[in-house]
Protein backbone atom coordinates (compact mmCIF):
# COMPACT_ATOMS: atom_id res chain seq x y z
CA MET A 1 13.99 -6.96 -0.16
CA GLU A 2 10.37 -6.13 -0.86
CA PHE A 3 6.95 -7.48 0.00
CA ARG A 4 3.40 -6.56 -0.96
CA ARG A 5 0.16 -6.26 0.93
CA LYS A 6 -3.32 -5.60 -0.42
CA LEU A 7 -5.00 -2.44 0.75
CA TYR A 8 -8.63 -3.09 1.58
CA THR A 9 -11.44 -1.62 3.58
CA ARG A 10 -12.45 -3.11 6.88
CA GLY A 11 -15.84 -1.72 7.82
CA ASN A 12 -15.52 2.06 7.71
CA SER A 13 -11.72 2.14 7.84
CA TYR A 14 -8.66 0.84 6.02
CA GLU A 15 -6.08 -1.68 7.15
CA THR A 16 -4.26 -0.04 10.05
CA THR A 17 -0.77 -0.74 8.65
CA ILE A 18 -0.88 2.42 6.51
CA PRO A 19 -1.91 5.72 8.17
CA MET A 20 -4.95 7.24 6.45
CA PRO A 21 -3.28 10.65 5.78
CA LEU A 22 -0.91 8.87 3.37
CA LEU A 23 -3.89 7.61 1.35
CA PHE A 24 -5.62 10.95 0.73
CA SER A 25 -4.97 10.97 -3.02
CA LEU A 26 -6.19 7.44 -3.77
CA ASP A 27 -9.40 6.73 -5.66
CA LYS A 28 -11.46 4.70 -3.18
CA LYS A 29 -13.24 2.90 -6.02
CA LYS A 30 -10.00 1.23 -7.16
CA LYS A 31 -7.99 -1.57 -5.55
CA TYR A 32 -4.38 -1.08 -4.53
CA GLU A 33 -1.37 -2.96 -3.25
CA VAL A 34 1.09 -1.53 -0.79
CA VAL A 35 4.72 -2.41 -1.59
CA PHE A 36 7.22 -2.26 1.26
CA VAL A 37 10.81 -1.91 0.01
CA PHE A 38 13.95 -2.16 2.14
CA GLU A 39 17.15 -0.53 0.91
CA PRO A 40 20.14 -2.07 2.70
CA GLU A 41 22.51 0.71 1.58
CA THR A 42 20.57 3.30 3.59
CA ASN A 43 19.04 0.88 6.10
CA LYS A 44 15.58 2.37 5.41
CA TRP A 45 12.11 1.13 4.48
CA PHE A 46 10.02 2.83 1.80
CA ILE A 47 6.45 2.25 0.69
CA ARG A 48 4.92 2.45 -2.78
CA ILE A 49 1.20 2.25 -3.44
CA GLU A 50 0.35 0.71 -6.80
CA GLU A 51 -2.97 0.06 -8.46
CA GLU A 52 -3.75 -3.65 -8.30
CA LYS A 53 -3.23 -5.39 -11.63
CA THR A 54 -6.22 -7.30 -12.92
CA LYS A 55 -5.50 -10.92 -13.73
CA LYS A 56 -6.85 -12.24 -17.02
């Protein structure tokens, strides 16, 4: 199971779903998506942050 959420600024902060210390290495000029992935074998959630793909 996996689902995606856009990462965007809201005023002077980012969406509160993702703690800011996890975002330290991101380029703030680019747009990103946060991918939440559940692995049933380990019963754990993981997150991936991917650069948003531009649609042509």
